[in-house]
PDB file of N, CA and C in Angstrom:
ATOM      1  N   MET A   1       0.845  -1.177   0.000  1.00  0.00           N
ATOM      2  CA  MET A   1       0.000   0.000   0.000  1.00  0.00           C
ATOM      3  C   MET A   1       0.891   1.241   0.000  1.00  0.00           C
ATOM      4  N   SER A   2       0.498   2.228  -0.792  1.00  0.00           N
ATOM      5  CA  SER A   2       1.281   3.466  -0.843  1.00  0.00           C
ATOM      6  C   SER A   2       0.920   4.377   0.327  1.00  0.00           C
ATOM      7  N   SER A   3       1.739   5.363   0.556  1.00  0.00           N
ATOM      8  CA  SER A   3       1.526   6.313   1.647  1.00  0.00           C
ATOM      9  C   SER A   3       0.471   7.342   1.277  1.00  0.00           C
ATOM     10  N   ILE A   4      -0.061   7.998   2.282  1.00  0.00           N
ATOM     11  CA  ILE A   4      -1.030   9.075   2.074  1.00  0.00           C
ATOM     12  C   ILE A   4      -0.547  10.298   2.829  1.00  0.00           C
ATOM     13  N   ASN A   5      -0.532  11.425   2.150  1.00  0.00           N
ATOM     14  CA  ASN A   5      -0.188  12.705   2.758  1.00  0.00           C
ATOM     15  C   ASN A   5      -1.351  13.644   2.475  1.00  0.00           C
ATOM     16  N   LYS A   6      -2.313  13.707   3.390  1.00  0.00           N
ATOM     17  CA  LYS A   6      -3.499  14.525   3.207  1.00  0.00           C
ATOM     18  C   LYS A   6      -3.785  15.266   4.501  1.00  0.00           C
ATOM     19  N   VAL A   7      -3.979  16.571   4.371  1.00  0.00           N
ATOM     20  CA  VAL A   7      -4.276  17.422   5.519  1.00  0.00           C
ATOM     21  C   VAL A   7      -5.603  18.115   5.265  1.00  0.00           C
ATOM     22  N   ILE A   8      -6.475  18.112   6.268  1.00  0.00           N
ATOM     23  CA  ILE A   8      -7.734  18.845   6.221  1.00  0.00           C
ATOM     24  C   ILE A   8      -7.778  19.732   7.450  1.00  0.00           C
ATOM     25  N   LEU A   9      -7.963  21.027   7.235  1.00  0.00           N
ATOM     26  CA  LEU A   9      -8.030  21.991   8.340  1.00  0.00           C
ATOM     27  C   LEU A   9      -9.220  22.922   8.160  1.00  0.00           C
ATOM     28  N   VAL A  10      -9.813  23.314   9.270  1.00  0.00           N
ATOM     29  CA  VAL A  10     -10.813  24.380   9.295  1.00  0.00           C
ATOM     30  C   VAL A  10     -10.311  25.381  10.317  1.00  0.00           C
ATOM     31  N   GLY A  11     -10.108  26.616   9.878  1.00  0.00           N
ATOM     32  CA  GLY A  11      -9.576  27.609  10.795  1.00  0.00           C
ATOM     33  C   GLY A  11      -9.748  29.019  10.275  1.00  0.00           C
ATOM     34  N   HIS A  12      -9.227  29.955  11.053  1.00  0.00           N
ATOM     35  CA  HIS A  12      -9.320  31.375  10.730  1.00  0.00           C
ATOM     36  C   HIS A  12      -7.969  31.898  10.253  1.00  0.00           C
ATOM     37  N   LEU A  13      -7.990  32.755   9.236  1.00  0.00           N
ATOM     38  CA  LEU A  13      -6.768  33.379   8.741  1.00  0.00           C
ATOM     39  C   LEU A  13      -6.201  34.303   9.802  1.00  0.00           C
ATOM     40  N   GLY A  14      -4.895  34.163  10.058  1.00  0.00           N
ATOM     41  CA  GLY A  14      -4.224  34.995  11.040  1.00  0.00           C
ATOM     42  C   GLY A  14      -3.838  36.359  10.500  1.00  0.00           C
ATOM     43  N   LYS A  15      -3.737  36.476   9.184  1.00  0.00           N
ATOM     44  CA  LYS A  15      -3.481  37.767   8.541  1.00  0.00           C
ATOM     45  C   LYS A  15      -3.886  37.653   7.076  1.00  0.00           C
ATOM     46  N   ASN A  16      -3.928  38.777   6.397  1.00  0.00           N
ATOM     47  CA  ASN A  16      -4.306  38.769   4.986  1.00  0.00           C
ATOM     48  C   ASN A  16      -3.282  37.970   4.176  1.00  0.00           C
ATOM     49  N   PRO A  17      -3.745  37.265   3.150  1.00  0.00           N
ATOM     50  CA  PRO A  17      -2.811  36.522   2.299  1.00  0.00           C
ATOM     51  C   PRO A  17      -1.810  37.456   1.626  1.00  0.00           C
ATOM     52  N   GLU A  18      -0.564  36.987   1.514  1.00  0.00           N
ATOM     53  CA  GLU A  18       0.491  37.750   0.844  1.00  0.00           C
ATOM     54  C   GLU A  18       0.743  37.118  -0.523  1.00  0.00           C
ATOM     55  N   LEU A  19       0.334  37.822  -1.575  1.00  0.00           N
ATOM     56  CA  LEU A  19       0.504  37.330  -2.944  1.00  0.00           C
ATOM     57  C   LEU A  19       1.813  37.857  -3.514  1.00  0.00           C
ATOM     58  N   ARG A  20       2.583  36.957  -4.122  1.00  0.00           N
ATOM     59  CA  ARG A  20       3.798  37.366  -4.813  1.00  0.00           C
ATOM     60  C   ARG A  20       3.930  36.514  -6.078  1.00  0.00           C
ATOM     61  N   TYR A  21       4.774  36.981  -6.970  1.00  0.00           N
ATOM     62  CA  TYR A  21       4.987  36.270  -8.227  1.00  0.00           C
ATOM     63  C   TYR A  21       6.452  35.867  -8.334  1.00  0.00           C
ATOM     64  N   LEU A  22       6.666  34.610  -8.661  1.00  0.00           N
ATOM     65  CA  LEU A  22       8.005  34.069  -8.852  1.00  0.00           C
ATOM     66  C   LEU A  22       8.368  34.161 -10.329  1.00  0.00           C
ATOM     67  N   PRO A  23       9.632  33.930 -10.676  1.00  0.00           N
ATOM     68  CA  PRO A  23      10.005  33.949 -12.096  1.00  0.00           C
ATOM     69  C   PRO A  23       9.090  33.039 -12.913  1.00  0.00           C
ATOM     70  N   GLY A  24       8.765  33.486 -14.106  1.00  0.00           N
ATOM     71  CA  GLY A  24       7.831  32.736 -14.938  1.00  0.00           C
ATOM     72  C   GLY A  24       6.392  33.123 -14.646  1.00  0.00           C
ATOM     73  N   ASP A  25       6.205  34.199 -13.879  1.00  0.00           N
ATOM     74  CA  ASP A  25       4.886  34.721 -13.536  1.00  0.00           C
ATOM     75  C   ASP A  25       4.037  33.687 -12.777  1.00  0.00           C
ATOM     76  N   VAL A  26       4.688  32.898 -11.907  1.00  0.00           N
ATOM     77  CA  VAL A  26       3.997  31.890 -11.098  1.00  0.00           C
ATOM     78  C   VAL A  26       3.541  32.540  -9.789  1.00  0.00           C
ATOM     79  N   ALA A  27       2.227  32.547  -9.573  1.00  0.00           N
ATOM     80  CA  ALA A  27       1.653  33.161  -8.371  1.00  0.00           C
ATOM     81  C   ALA A  27       1.757  32.212  -7.183  1.00  0.00           C
ATOM     82  N   VAL A  28       2.068  32.780  -6.023  1.00  0.00           N
ATOM     83  CA  VAL A  28       2.070  32.018  -4.773  1.00  0.00           C
ATOM     84  C   VAL A  28       1.564  32.945  -3.673  1.00  0.00           C
ATOM     85  N   VAL A  29       0.723  32.392  -2.813  1.00  0.00           N
ATOM     86  CA  VAL A  29       0.185  33.155  -1.694  1.00  0.00           C
ATOM     87  C   VAL A  29       0.451  32.361  -0.421  1.00  0.00           C
ATOM     88  N   SER A  30       0.699  33.085   0.671  1.00  0.00           N
ATOM     89  CA  SER A  30       0.935  32.414   1.950  1.00  0.00           C
ATOM     90  C   SER A  30       0.269  33.214   3.060  1.00  0.00           C
ATOM     91  N   PHE A  31      -0.102  32.487   4.119  1.00  0.00           N
ATOM     92  CA  PHE A  31      -0.713  33.110   5.287  1.00  0.00           C
ATOM     93  C   PHE A  31      -0.756  32.096   6.425  1.00  0.00           C
ATOM     94  N   PRO A  32      -0.832  32.570   7.657  1.00  0.00           N
ATOM     95  CA  PRO A  32      -1.001  31.655   8.784  1.00  0.00           C
ATOM     96  C   PRO A  32      -2.488  31.346   8.990  1.00  0.00           C
ATOM     97  N   LEU A  33      -2.777  30.117   9.382  1.00  0.00           N
ATOM     98  CA  LEU A  33      -4.136  29.683   9.677  1.00  0.00           C
ATOM     99  C   LEU A  33      -4.177  29.147  11.100  1.00  0.00           C
ATOM    100  N   ALA A  34      -5.135  29.635  11.884  1.00  0.00           N
ATOM    101  CA  ALA A  34      -5.277  29.207  13.277  1.00  0.00           C
ATOM    102  C   ALA A  34      -6.382  28.169  13.395  1.00  0.00           C
ATOM    103  N   THR A  35      -6.071  27.062  14.047  1.00  0.00           N
ATOM    104  CA  THR A  35      -7.100  26.078  14.402  1.00  0.00           C
ATOM    105  C   THR A  35      -7.153  26.031  15.922  1.00  0.00           C
ATOM    106  N   THR A  36      -8.360  26.048  16.443  1.00  0.00           N
ATOM    107  CA  THR A  36      -8.543  26.110  17.894  1.00  0.00           C
ATOM    108  C   THR A  36      -9.406  24.953  18.358  1.00  0.00           C
ATOM    109  N   GLU A  37      -8.997  24.345  19.451  1.00  0.00           N
ATOM    110  CA  GLU A  37      -9.810  23.302  20.076  1.00  0.00           C
ATOM    111  C   GLU A  37      -9.904  23.611  21.564  1.00  0.00           C
ATOM    112  N   PHE A  38     -10.926  23.078  22.170  1.00  0.00           N
ATOM    113  CA  PHE A  38     -11.125  23.285  23.602  1.00  0.00           C
ATOM    114  C   PHE A  38     -10.851  21.980  24.317  1.00  0.00           C
ATOM    115  N   ILE A  39     -10.025  22.052  25.358  1.00  0.00           N
ATOM    116  CA  ILE A  39      -9.654  20.860  26.122  1.00  0.00           C
ATOM    117  C   ILE A  39      -9.935  21.116  27.598  1.00  0.00           C
ATOM    118  N   MET A  40     -10.059  20.038  28.335  1.00  0.00           N
ATOM    119  CA  MET A  40     -10.231  20.139  29.787  1.00  0.00           C
ATOM    120  C   MET A  40      -8.865  19.968  30.437  1.00  0.00           C
ATOM    121  N   LYS A  41      -8.467  20.942  31.247  1.00  0.00           N
ATOM    122  CA  LYS A  41      -7.191  20.890  31.945  1.00  0.00           C
ATOM    123  C   LYS A  41      -7.463  21.194  33.415  1.00  0.00           C
ATOM    124  N   ASP A  42      -7.229  20.206  34.249  1.00  0.00           N
ATOM    125  CA  ASP A  42      -7.493  20.338  35.687  1.00  0.00           C
ATOM    126  C   ASP A  42      -8.936  20.759  35.958  1.00  0.00           C
ATOM    127  N   GLY A  43      -9.854  20.199  35.161  1.00  0.00           N
ATOM    128  CA  GLY A  43     -11.276  20.484  35.345  1.00  0.00           C
ATOM    129  C   GLY A  43     -11.738  21.821  34.788  1.00  0.00           C
ATOM    130  N   VAL A  44     -10.840  22.521  34.108  1.00  0.00           N
ATOM    131  CA  VAL A  44     -11.177  23.827  33.539  1.00  0.00           C
ATOM    132  C   VAL A  44     -11.108  23.729  32.011  1.00  0.00           C
ATOM    133  N   ARG A  45     -12.110  24.281  31.346  1.00  0.00           N
ATOM    134  CA  ARG A  45     -12.134  24.271  29.882  1.00  0.00           C
ATOM    135  C   ARG A  45     -11.158  25.329  29.371  1.00  0.00           C
ATOM    136  N   CYS A  46     -10.166  24.871  28.601  1.00  0.00           N
ATOM    137  CA  CYS A  46      -9.124  25.761  28.079  1.00  0.00           C
ATOM    138  C   CYS A  46      -9.122  25.736  26.557  1.00  0.00           C
ATOM    139  N   GLU A  47      -8.744  26.862  25.990  1.00  0.00           N
ATOM    140  CA  GLU A  47      -8.625  26.996  24.544  1.00  0.00           C
ATOM    141  C   GLU A  47      -7.178  26.740  24.144  1.00  0.00           C
ATOM    142  N   GLN A  48      -6.989  25.909  23.111  1.00  0.00           N
ATOM    143  CA  GLN A  48      -5.650  25.601  22.621  1.00  0.00           C
ATOM    144  C   GLN A  48      -5.616  25.884  21.120  1.00  0.00           C
ATOM    145  N   THR A  49      -4.756  26.804  20.712  1.00  0.00           N
ATOM    146  CA  THR A  49      -4.673  27.206  19.308  1.00  0.00           C
ATOM    147  C   THR A  49      -3.351  26.751  18.709  1.00  0.00           C
ATOM    148  N   ASP A  50      -3.438  26.171  17.512  1.00  0.00           N
ATOM    149  CA  ASP A  50      -2.256  25.799  16.729  1.00  0.00           C
ATOM    150  C   ASP A  50      -2.227  26.670  15.483  1.00  0.00           C
ATOM    151  N   TRP A  51      -1.025  27.038  15.050  1.00  0.00           N
ATOM    152  CA  TRP A  51      -0.840  27.856  13.864  1.00  0.00           C
ATOM    153  C   TRP A  51      -0.201  27.033  12.763  1.00  0.00           C
ATOM    154  N   HIS A  52      -0.715  27.175  11.552  1.00  0.00           N
ATOM    155  CA  HIS A  52      -0.251  26.414  10.393  1.00  0.00           C
ATOM    156  C   HIS A  52       0.166  27.389   9.296  1.00  0.00           C
ATOM    157  N   ASN A  53       1.294  27.121   8.664  1.00  0.00           N
ATOM    158  CA  ASN A  53       1.762  27.926   7.534  1.00  0.00           C
ATOM    159  C   ASN A  53       1.108  27.391   6.264  1.00  0.00           C
ATOM    160  N   ILE A  54       0.288  28.224   5.629  1.00  0.00           N
ATOM    161  CA  ILE A  54      -0.458  27.821   4.444  1.00  0.00           C
ATOM    162  C   ILE A  54       0.202  28.416   3.203  1.00  0.00           C
ATOM    163  N   VAL A  55       0.337  27.593   2.141  1.00  0.00           N
ATOM    164  CA  VAL A  55       0.895  28.027   0.861  1.00  0.00           C
ATOM    165  C   VAL A  55      -0.047  27.553  -0.237  1.00  0.00           C
ATOM    166  N   ILE A  56      -0.369  28.475  -1.152  1.00  0.00           N
ATOM    167  CA  ILE A  56      -1.245  28.151  -2.280  1.00  0.00           C
ATOM    168  C   ILE A  56      -0.571  28.658  -3.556  1.00  0.00           C
ATOM    169  N   TRP A  57      -0.623  27.859  -4.608  1.00  0.00           N
ATOM    170  CA  TRP A  57       0.079  28.164  -5.849  1.00  0.00           C
ATOM    171  C   TRP A  57      -0.857  28.472  -7.016  1.00  0.00           C
ATOM    172  N   ARG A  58      -0.325  29.178  -7.997  1.00  0.00           N
ATOM    173  CA  ARG A  58      -0.874  29.444  -9.327  1.00  0.00           C
ATOM    174  C   ARG A  58      -2.238  30.139  -9.291  1.00  0.00           C
ATOM    175  N   SER A  59      -3.169  29.705 -10.126  1.00  0.00           N
ATOM    176  CA  SER A  59      -4.457  30.411 -10.227  1.00  0.00           C
ATOM    177  C   SER A  59      -5.242  30.337  -8.921  1.00  0.00           C
ATOM    178  N   LEU A  60      -5.073  29.263  -8.176  1.00  0.00           N
ATOM    179  CA  LEU A  60      -5.743  29.145  -6.886  1.00  0.00           C
ATOM    180  C   LEU A  60      -5.204  30.200  -5.910  1.00  0.00           C
ATOM    181  N   ALA A  61      -3.925  30.535  -6.035  1.00  0.00           N
ATOM    182  CA  ALA A  61      -3.327  31.576  -5.206  1.00  0.00           C
ATOM    183  C   ALA A  61      -3.960  32.928  -5.512  1.00  0.00           C
ATOM    184  N   GLU A  62      -4.190  33.197  -6.782  1.00  0.00           N
ATOM    185  CA  GLU A  62      -4.816  34.463  -7.158  1.00  0.00           C
ATOM    186  C   GLU A  62      -6.243  34.543  -6.629  1.00  0.00           C
ATOM    187  N   SER A  63      -6.974  33.424  -6.651  1.00  0.00           N
ATOM    188  CA  SER A  63      -8.324  33.392  -6.078  1.00  0.00           C
ATOM    189  C   SER A  63      -8.277  33.628  -4.569  1.00  0.00           C
ATOM    190  N   ALA A  64      -7.322  33.010  -3.908  1.00  0.00           N
ATOM    191  CA  ALA A  64      -7.180  33.180  -2.460  1.00  0.00           C
ATOM    192  C   ALA A  64      -6.896  34.636  -2.123  1.00  0.00           C
ATOM    193  N   ALA A  65      -6.019  35.273  -2.889  1.00  0.00           N
ATOM    194  CA  ALA A  65      -5.685  36.677  -2.635  1.00  0.00           C
ATOM    195  C   ALA A  65      -6.899  37.572  -2.843  1.00  0.00           C
ATOM    196  N   ARG A  66      -7.758  37.205  -3.769  1.00  0.00           N
ATOM    197  CA  ARG A  66      -8.946  37.997  -4.071  1.00  0.00           C
ATOM    198  C   ARG A  66     -10.040  37.849  -3.010  1.00  0.00           C
ATOM    199  N   TYR A  67     -10.253  36.634  -2.493  1.00  0.00           N
ATOM    200  CA  TYR A  67     -11.405  36.367  -1.639  1.00  0.00           C
ATOM    201  C   TYR A  67     -11.114  36.266  -0.148  1.00  0.00           C
ATOM    202  N   LEU A  68      -9.885  35.961   0.223  1.00  0.00           N
ATOM    203  CA  LEU A  68      -9.594  35.712   1.632  1.00  0.00           C
ATOM    204  C   LEU A  68      -9.048  36.950   2.322  1.00  0.00           C
ATOM    205  N   GLU A  69      -9.349  37.057   3.607  1.00  0.00           N
ATOM    206  CA  GLU A  69      -8.784  38.139   4.409  1.00  0.00           C
ATOM    207  C   GLU A  69      -8.714  37.696   5.861  1.00  0.00           C
ATOM    208  N   LYS A  70      -7.919  38.414   6.615  1.00  0.00           N
ATOM    209  CA  LYS A  70      -7.687  38.104   8.030  1.00  0.00           C
ATOM    210  C   LYS A  70      -9.014  37.894   8.760  1.00  0.00           C
ATOM    211  N   GLY A  71      -9.054  36.812   9.563  1.00  0.00           N
ATOM    212  CA  GLY A  71     -10.214  36.528  10.384  1.00  0.00           C
ATOM    213  C   GLY A  71     -11.254  35.632   9.750  1.00  0.00           C
ATOM    214  N   LYS A  72     -11.217  35.480   8.412  1.00  0.00           N
ATOM    215  CA  LYS A  72     -12.215  34.652   7.730  1.00  0.00           C
ATOM    216  C   LYS A  72     -12.005  33.178   8.067  1.00  0.00           C
ATOM    217  N   LEU A  73     -13.108  32.450   8.145  1.00  0.00           N
ATOM    218  CA  LEU A  73     -13.100  31.010   8.413  1.00  0.00           C
ATOM    219  C   LEU A  73     -13.075  30.268   7.085  1.00  0.00           C
ATOM    220  N   ILE A  74     -12.106  29.355   6.935  1.00  0.00           N
ATOM    221  CA  ILE A  74     -12.012  28.572   5.703  1.00  0.00           C
ATOM    222  C   ILE A  74     -11.725  27.103   6.004  1.00  0.00           C
ATOM    223  N   TYR A  75     -12.051  26.280   5.026  1.00  0.00           N
ATOM    224  CA  TYR A  75     -11.742  24.848   5.006  1.00  0.00           C
ATOM    225  C   TYR A  75     -10.659  24.683   3.955  1.00  0.00           C
ATOM    226  N   VAL A  76      -9.566  23.991   4.295  1.00  0.00           N
ATOM    227  CA  VAL A  76      -8.509  23.727   3.320  1.00  0.00           C
ATOM    228  C   VAL A  76      -8.185  22.240   3.284  1.00  0.00           C
ATOM    229  N   GLU A  77      -7.810  21.780   2.099  1.00  0.00           N
ATOM    230  CA  GLU A  77      -7.284  20.428   1.912  1.00  0.00           C
ATOM    231  C   GLU A  77      -5.962  20.557   1.182  1.00  0.00           C
ATOM    232  N   GLY A  78      -5.004  19.751   1.593  1.00  0.00           N
ATOM    233  CA  GLY A  78      -3.715  19.791   0.926  1.00  0.00           C
ATOM    234  C   GLY A  78      -2.773  18.743   1.460  1.00  0.00           C
ATOM    235  N   LYS A  79      -1.482  19.039   1.319  1.00  0.00           N
ATOM    236  CA  LYS A  79      -0.434  18.115   1.734  1.00  0.00           C
ATOM    237  C   LYS A  79       0.512  18.825   2.682  1.00  0.00           C
ATOM    238  N   CYS A  80       1.081  18.073   3.593  1.00  0.00           N
ATOM    239  CA  CYS A  80       2.070  18.576   4.530  1.00  0.00           C
ATOM    240  C   CYS A  80       3.441  18.439   3.875  1.00  0.00           C
ATOM    241  N   LYS A  81       4.164  19.560   3.785  1.00  0.00           N
ATOM    242  CA  LYS A  81       5.494  19.561   3.167  1.00  0.00           C
ATOM    243  C   LYS A  81       6.491  20.238   4.100  1.00  0.00           C
ATOM    244  N   THR A  82       7.657  19.651   4.238  1.00  0.00           N
ATOM    245  CA  THR A  82       8.744  20.257   5.006  1.00  0.00           C
ATOM    246  C   THR A  82       9.863  20.586   4.040  1.00  0.00           C
ATOM    247  N   ARG A  83      10.374  21.803   4.151  1.00  0.00           N
ATOM    248  CA  ARG A  83      11.477  22.217   3.282  1.00  0.00           C
ATOM    249  C   ARG A  83      12.542  22.892   4.131  1.00  0.00           C
ATOM    250  N   SER A  84      13.737  22.943   3.575  1.00  0.00           N
ATOM    251  CA  SER A  84      14.832  23.602   4.288  1.00  0.00           C
ATOM    252  C   SER A  84      15.276  24.825   3.507  1.00  0.00           C
ATOM    253  N   PHE A  85      15.861  25.767   4.225  1.00  0.00           N
ATOM    254  CA  PHE A  85      16.420  26.962   3.608  1.00  0.00           C
ATOM    255  C   PHE A  85      17.539  27.454   4.512  1.00  0.00           C
ATOM    256  N   GLU A  86      18.373  28.327   3.965  1.00  0.00           N
ATOM    257  CA  GLU A  86      19.484  28.848   4.757  1.00  0.00           C
ATOM    258  C   GLU A  86      19.254  30.321   5.038  1.00  0.00           C
ATOM    259  N   LYS A  87      19.408  30.701   6.307  1.00  0.00           N
ATOM    260  CA  LYS A  87      19.256  32.095   6.711  1.00  0.00           C
ATOM    261  C   LYS A  87      20.395  32.434   7.661  1.00  0.00           C
ATOM    262  N   ASP A  88      21.121  33.487   7.334  1.00  0.00           N
ATOM    263  CA  ASP A  88      22.259  33.911   8.134  1.00  0.00           C
ATOM    264  C   ASP A  88      23.270  32.778   8.327  1.00  0.00           C
ATOM    265  N   GLY A  89      23.439  31.956   7.289  1.00  0.00           N
ATOM    266  CA  GLY A  89      24.395  30.865   7.346  1.00  0.00           C
ATOM    267  C   GLY A  89      23.944  29.654   8.146  1.00  0.00           C
ATOM    268  N   ILE A  90      22.689  29.669   8.608  1.00  0.00           N
ATOM    269  CA  ILE A  90      22.157  28.563   9.406  1.00  0.00           C
ATOM    270  C   ILE A  90      21.055  27.866   8.619  1.00  0.00           C
ATOM    271  N   LYS A  91      21.150  26.540   8.529  1.00  0.00           N
ATOM    272  CA  LYS A  91      20.123  25.769   7.848  1.00  0.00           C
ATOM    273  C   LYS A  91      18.887  25.689   8.741  1.00  0.00           C
ATOM    274  N   ARG A  92      17.763  26.080   8.188  1.00  0.00           N
ATOM    275  CA  ARG A  92      16.497  26.068   8.926  1.00  0.00           C
ATOM    276  C   ARG A  92      15.484  25.224   8.178  1.00  0.00           C
ATOM    277  N   TYR A  93      14.451  24.806   8.913  1.00  0.00           N
ATOM    278  CA  TYR A  93      13.386  23.986   8.339  1.00  0.00           C
ATOM    279  C   TYR A  93      12.045  24.626   8.641  1.00  0.00           C
ATOM    280  N   THR A  94      11.108  24.447   7.720  1.00  0.00           N
ATOM    281  CA  THR A  94       9.749  24.907   7.947  1.00  0.00           C
ATOM    282  C   THR A  94       8.787  23.863   7.404  1.00  0.00           C
ATOM    283  N   THR A  95       7.666  23.727   8.065  1.00  0.00           N
ATOM    284  CA  THR A  95       6.620  22.809   7.625  1.00  0.00           C
ATOM    285  C   THR A  95       5.435  23.648   7.180  1.00  0.00           C
ATOM    286  N   GLU A  96       4.927  23.331   5.993  1.00  0.00           N
ATOM    287  CA  GLU A  96       3.833  24.089   5.404  1.00  0.00           C
ATOM    288  C   GLU A  96       2.735  23.148   4.937  1.00  0.00           C
ATOM    289  N   ILE A  97       1.542  23.690   4.842  1.00  0.00           N
ATOM    290  CA  ILE A  97       0.426  22.979   4.228  1.00  0.00           C
ATOM    291  C   ILE A  97       0.276  23.556   2.830  1.00  0.00           C
ATOM    292  N   VAL A  98       0.543  22.736   1.806  1.00  0.00           N
ATOM    293  CA  VAL A  98       0.396  23.157   0.414  1.00  0.00           C
ATOM    294  C   VAL A  98      -1.019  22.778  -0.004  1.00  0.00           C
ATOM    295  N   VAL A  99      -1.830  23.786  -0.253  1.00  0.00           N
ATOM    296  CA  VAL A  99      -3.271  23.616  -0.445  1.00  0.00           C
ATOM    297  C   VAL A  99      -3.619  23.249  -1.885  1.00  0.00           C
ATOM    298  N   ASP A 100      -4.523  22.252  -2.022  1.00  0.00           N
ATOM    299  CA  ASP A 100      -5.076  21.845  -3.317  1.00  0.00           C
ATOM    300  C   ASP A 100      -6.460  22.456  -3.533  1.00  0.00           C
ATOM    301  N   THR A 101      -7.192  22.668  -2.434  1.00  0.00           N
ATOM    302  CA  THR A 101      -8.547  23.202  -2.520  1.00  0.00           C
ATOM    303  C   THR A 101      -8.878  23.938  -1.229  1.00  0.00           C
ATOM    304  N   PHE A 102      -9.699  24.973  -1.343  1.00  0.00           N
ATOM    305  CA  PHE A 102     -10.191  25.639  -0.150  1.00  0.00           C
ATOM    306  C   PHE A 102     -11.641  26.043  -0.353  1.00  0.00           C
ATOM    307  N   THR A 103     -12.361  26.144   0.758  1.00  0.00           N
ATOM    308  CA  THR A 103     -13.766  26.548   0.738  1.00  0.00           C
ATOM    309  C   THR A 103     -13.966  27.653   1.751  1.00  0.00           C
ATOM    310  N   LEU A 104     -14.592  28.716   1.319  1.00  0.00           N
ATOM    311  CA  LEU A 104     -14.948  29.805   2.214  1.00  0.00           C
ATOM    312  C   LEU A 104     -16.111  29.340   3.074  1.00  0.00           C
ATOM    313  N   LEU A 105     -16.020  29.538   4.363  1.00  0.00           N
ATOM    314  CA  LEU A 105     -17.096  29.141   5.266  1.00  0.00           C
ATOM    315  C   LEU A 105     -17.748  30.391   5.853  1.00  0.00           C
ATOM    316  N   GLY A 106     -18.932  30.239   6.364  1.00  0.00           N
ATOM    317  CA  GLY A 106     -19.645  31.376   6.933  1.00  0.00           C
ATOM    318  C   GLY A 106     -20.820  31.758   6.059  1.00  0.00           C
ATOM    319  N   ARG A 107     -21.425  32.883   6.379  1.00  0.00           N
ATOM    320  CA  ARG A 107     -22.585  33.372   5.632  1.00  0.00           C
ATOM    321  C   ARG A 107     -22.130  34.057   4.349  1.00  0.00           C
ATOM    322  N   LYS A 108     -22.987  34.043   3.330  1.00  0.00           N
ATOM    323  CA  LYS A 108     -22.657  34.711   2.075  1.00  0.00           C
ATOM    324  C   LYS A 108     -22.391  36.192   2.303  1.00  0.00           C
ATOM    325  N   SER A 109     -23.081  36.773   3.265  1.00  0.00           N
ATOM    326  CA  SER A 109     -22.894  38.195   3.548  1.00  0.00           C
ATOM    327  C   SER A 109     -21.516  38.492   4.142  1.00  0.00           C
ATOM    328  N   ASP A 110     -20.785  37.451   4.538  1.00  0.00           N
ATOM    329  CA  ASP A 110     -19.437  37.645   5.079  1.00  0.00           C
ATOM    330  C   ASP A 110     -18.432  38.015   3.986  1.00  0.00           C
ATOM    331  N   PHE A 111     -18.821  37.845   2.718  1.00  0.00           N
ATOM    332  CA  PHE A 111     -17.898  38.055   1.613  1.00  0.00           C
ATOM    333  C   PHE A 111     -18.417  39.147   0.701  1.00  0.00           C
ATOM    334  N   GLU A 112     -17.527  40.049   0.334  1.00  0.00           N
ATOM    335  CA  GLU A 112     -17.915  41.164  -0.532  1.00  0.00           C
ATOM    336  C   GLU A 112     -18.302  40.669  -1.914  1.00  0.00           C
ATOM    337  N   GLU A 113     -17.484  39.827  -2.502  1.00  0.00           N
ATOM    338  CA  GLU A 113     -17.780  39.260  -3.805  1.00  0.00           C
ATOM    339  C   GLU A 113     -18.342  37.867  -3.579  1.00  0.00           C
ATOM    340  N   THR A 114     -19.536  37.599  -4.089  1.00  0.00           N
ATOM    341  CA  THR A 114     -20.108  36.268  -3.928  1.00  0.00           C
ATOM    342  C   THR A 114     -19.839  35.463  -5.172  1.00  0.00           C
ATOM    343  N   ASN A 115     -19.780  34.181  -4.970  1.00  0.00           N
ATOM    344  CA  ASN A 115     -19.486  33.242  -6.031  1.00  0.00           C
ATOM    345  C   ASN A 115     -20.485  32.121  -5.893  1.00  0.00           C
ATOM    346  N   ASP A 116     -21.096  31.673  -7.012  1.00  0.00           N
ATOM    347  CA  ASP A 116     -22.071  30.589  -6.927  1.00  0.00           C
ATOM    348  C   ASP A 116     -21.476  29.370  -6.267  1.00  0.00           C
ATOM    349  N   GLN A 117     -20.207  29.137  -6.507  1.00  0.00           N
ATOM    350  CA  GLN A 117     -19.533  27.991  -5.899  1.00  0.00           C
ATOM    351  C   GLN A 117     -18.373  28.528  -5.083  1.00  0.00           C
ATOM    352  N   ASN A 118     -18.439  28.366  -3.759  1.00  0.00           N
ATOM    353  CA  ASN A 118     -17.409  28.914  -2.896  1.00  0.00           C
ATOM    354  C   ASN A 118     -16.188  28.006  -2.782  1.00  0.00           C
ATOM    355  N   THR A 119     -16.187  26.858  -3.434  1.00  0.00           N
ATOM    356  CA  THR A 119     -15.039  25.964  -3.375  1.00  0.00           C
ATOM    357  C   THR A 119     -14.083  26.303  -4.499  1.00  0.00           C
ATOM    358  N   MET A 120     -12.824  26.511  -4.146  1.00  0.00           N
ATOM    359  CA  MET A 120     -11.792  26.813  -5.121  1.00  0.00           C
ATOM    360  C   MET A 120     -10.845  25.613  -5.172  1.00  0.00           C
ATOM    361  N   GLN A 121     -10.489  25.160  -6.383  1.00  0.00           N
ATOM    362  CA  GLN A 121      -9.600  24.019  -6.505  1.00  0.00           C
ATOM    363  C   GLN A 121      -8.481  24.333  -7.480  1.00  0.00           C
ATOM    364  N   GLU A 122      -7.345  23.719  -7.217  1.00  0.00           N
ATOM    365  CA  GLU A 122      -6.192  23.855  -8.116  1.00  0.00           C
ATOM    366  C   GLU A 122      -6.555  23.176  -9.431  1.00  0.00           C
ATOM    367  N   GLN A 123      -6.291  23.866 -10.524  1.00  0.00           N
ATOM    368  CA  GLN A 123      -6.533  23.277 -11.836  1.00  0.00           C
ATOM    369  C   GLN A 123      -5.218  22.695 -12.321  1.00  0.00           C
ATOM    370  N   HIS A 124      -5.190  21.393 -12.462  1.00  0.00           N
ATOM    371  CA  HIS A 124      -3.972  20.722 -12.914  1.00  0.00           C
ATOM    372  C   HIS A 124      -3.989  20.654 -14.430  1.00  0.00           C
ATOM    373  N   SER A 125      -2.889  21.032 -15.033  1.00  0.00           N
ATOM    374  CA  SER A 125      -2.824  20.991 -16.495  1.00  0.00           C
ATOM    375  C   SER A 125      -1.965  19.865 -16.973  1.00  0.00           C
TER     376      SER A 125
END
């Protein structure tokens, strides 16, 4: 049996998506996503928040930059990827969720531009 690398998250954007273009006019957007759960600790209900680094590529990135903003609730599906980079001569690692699809959650009135279908998916060519 082959391996599976699938991540599903529902959370709130920690800040507005940052859209940039790489050589070859390839769009990429990134933003932090907060997921919160409530746990019982010593008989007291506590909130526990985890932060995830979200990365979206190409036309889906442009859609994300257009529709998403800080605080909005979204559903994302993608893959967990770890990459390394060098900063100040030190090798560092980061783990990101590379998104294949996202869905805007909440009421239609929560979004300035409405879309008949709120699910955005990466178009593979």
